[in-house]
Protein backbone atom coordinates (compact mmCIF):
# COMPACT_ATOMS: atom_id res chain seq x y z
CA UNK A 1 2.62 -17.24 -12.62
CA UNK A 2 3.33 -13.58 -13.40
CA UNK A 3 3.51 -12.71 -9.71
CA UNK A 4 4.93 -15.97 -8.39
CA UNK A 5 8.68 -16.29 -8.88
CA UNK A 6 11.89 -15.84 -6.89
CA UNK A 7 12.31 -12.19 -5.84
CA UNK A 8 8.73 -11.42 -6.96
CA UNK A 9 7.81 -9.43 -3.86
CA UNK A 10 10.74 -7.35 -2.66
CA UNK A 11 9.91 -4.99 0.18
CA UNK A 12 11.94 -2.45 2.05
CA UNK A 13 11.65 -1.45 5.66
CA UNK A 14 8.12 -0.60 6.76
CA UNK A 15 7.61 1.84 9.59
CA UNK A 16 4.98 0.99 12.20
CA UNK A 17 2.44 3.78 12.65
CA UNK A 18 3.66 4.28 16.22
CA UNK A 19 7.18 5.08 14.98
CA UNK A 20 6.16 8.01 12.77
CA UNK A 21 7.35 11.43 13.97
CA UNK A 22 4.95 13.38 16.18
CA UNK A 23 2.66 15.70 14.26
CA UNK A 24 2.51 13.64 11.05
CA UNK A 25 -1.10 12.75 11.80
CA UNK A 26 -3.67 14.17 14.10
CA UNK A 27 -5.07 10.74 14.87
CA UNK A 28 -4.82 7.08 13.95
CA UNK A 29 -8.40 7.43 12.69
CA UNK A 30 -7.15 9.34 9.64
CA UNK A 31 -5.65 6.11 8.29
CA UNK A 32 -8.84 4.13 8.90
CA UNK A 33 -11.18 6.43 6.96
CA UNK A 34 -12.73 4.48 4.07
CA UNK A 35 -13.12 7.73 2.12
CA UNK A 36 -9.34 8.14 1.92
CA UNK A 37 -7.76 7.83 -1.52
CA UNK A 38 -4.62 5.93 -2.36
CA UNK A 39 -2.62 7.12 -5.34
CA UNK A 40 0.50 6.26 -7.29
CA UNK A 41 2.62 8.25 -9.73
CA UNK A 42 5.35 6.98 -12.03
CA UNK A 43 7.76 9.65 -13.23
CA UNK A 44 5.33 12.31 -11.94
CA UNK A 45 2.44 10.94 -14.02
CA UNK A 46 -0.50 9.65 -12.01
CA UNK A 47 -1.23 6.02 -12.86
CA UNK A 48 -3.54 4.97 -10.07
CA UNK A 49 -6.07 6.59 -7.73
CA UNK A 50 -8.90 4.97 -5.81
CA UNK A 51 -10.87 5.39 -2.61
CA UNK A 52 -10.38 2.72 0.02
CA UNK A 53 -14.15 2.12 0.10
CA UNK A 54 -13.81 0.61 -3.40
CA UNK A 55 -12.07 -2.43 -1.91
CA UNK A 56 -14.19 -5.59 -2.06
CA UNK A 57 -13.36 -6.38 1.59
CA UNK A 58 -12.17 -4.06 4.35
CA UNK A 59 -8.76 -4.76 5.88
CA UNK A 60 -10.51 -6.12 8.99
CA UNK A 61 -12.60 -8.49 6.86
CA UNK A 62 -9.50 -9.66 4.99
CA UNK A 63 -7.69 -10.44 8.24
CA UNK A 64 -10.73 -12.37 9.48
CA UNK A 65 -10.95 -14.41 6.25
CA UNK A 66 -7.21 -15.12 6.12
CA UNK A 67 -6.83 -16.12 9.76
CA UNK A 68 -9.54 -18.75 9.38
CA UNK A 69 -7.08 -20.61 7.12
CA UNK A 70 -3.58 -19.60 8.18
CA UNK A 71 -1.84 -18.00 11.14
CA UNK A 72 -0.49 -14.52 10.65
CA UNK A 73 2.79 -13.59 12.28
CA UNK A 74 4.19 -10.20 13.24
CA UNK A 75 5.62 -8.64 10.09
CA UNK A 76 3.45 -10.60 7.63
CA UNK A 77 2.20 -8.63 4.64
CA UNK A 78 -1.27 -8.95 3.16
CA UNK A 79 -1.29 -7.95 -0.49
CA UNK A 80 -4.78 -6.72 -1.34
CA UNK A 81 -4.60 -6.02 -5.03
CA UNK A 82 -4.42 -2.70 -6.79
CA UNK A 83 -6.64 -0.14 -8.53
CA UNK A 84 -6.77 0.14 -12.31
CA UNK A 85 -3.65 1.48 -13.96
CA UNK A 86 -1.19 -1.35 -13.47
CA UNK A 87 1.77 -1.27 -15.81
CA UNK A 88 5.41 -2.26 -16.04
CA UNK A 89 8.16 -0.38 -14.24
CA UNK A 90 11.62 0.19 -15.65
CA UNK A 91 15.01 0.78 -14.13
CA UNK A 92 15.36 4.41 -12.99
CA UNK A 93 11.59 5.03 -12.84
CA UNK A 94 10.67 7.41 -10.01
CA UNK A 95 7.74 6.19 -7.93
CA UNK A 96 5.62 8.24 -5.56
CA UNK A 97 2.67 6.75 -3.69
CA UNK A 98 0.48 8.09 -0.96
CA UNK A 99 -2.68 8.14 1.08
CA UNK A 100 -4.58 11.39 0.44
CA UNK A 101 -2.40 14.21 1.68
CA UNK A 102 -1.64 12.32 4.92
CA UNK A 103 1.57 10.67 3.84
CA UNK A 104 3.57 9.65 0.79
CA UNK A 105 6.70 7.76 -0.11
CA UNK A 106 9.14 8.27 -3.00
CA UNK A 107 11.68 5.83 -4.35
CA UNK A 108 13.52 4.87 -7.53
CA UNK A 109 13.43 1.52 -9.30
CA UNK A 110 16.90 -0.02 -9.52
């Protein structure tokens, strides 16, 4: 039950790819490259890094599997798991996560 409790999955606003400013990517294909790496730093220390091709199922396969059992609605999130390096976060931790050098996000834990 470690991940299943009230307020267990808070999320902020998520920007659709189409809403990103012009010039951020050269093509949508950059985000679909299985050789891309995702990474995460906590307080400027890298905790996680993995290539997308290390996922057991591709995002398309996951959507196919899930929609055989439930209907997905606009705005639904699919949580796919995480690479090695999981650990607790504390108030005031600074988080930075990204996809290769294509994009990144920074935020603080409150």
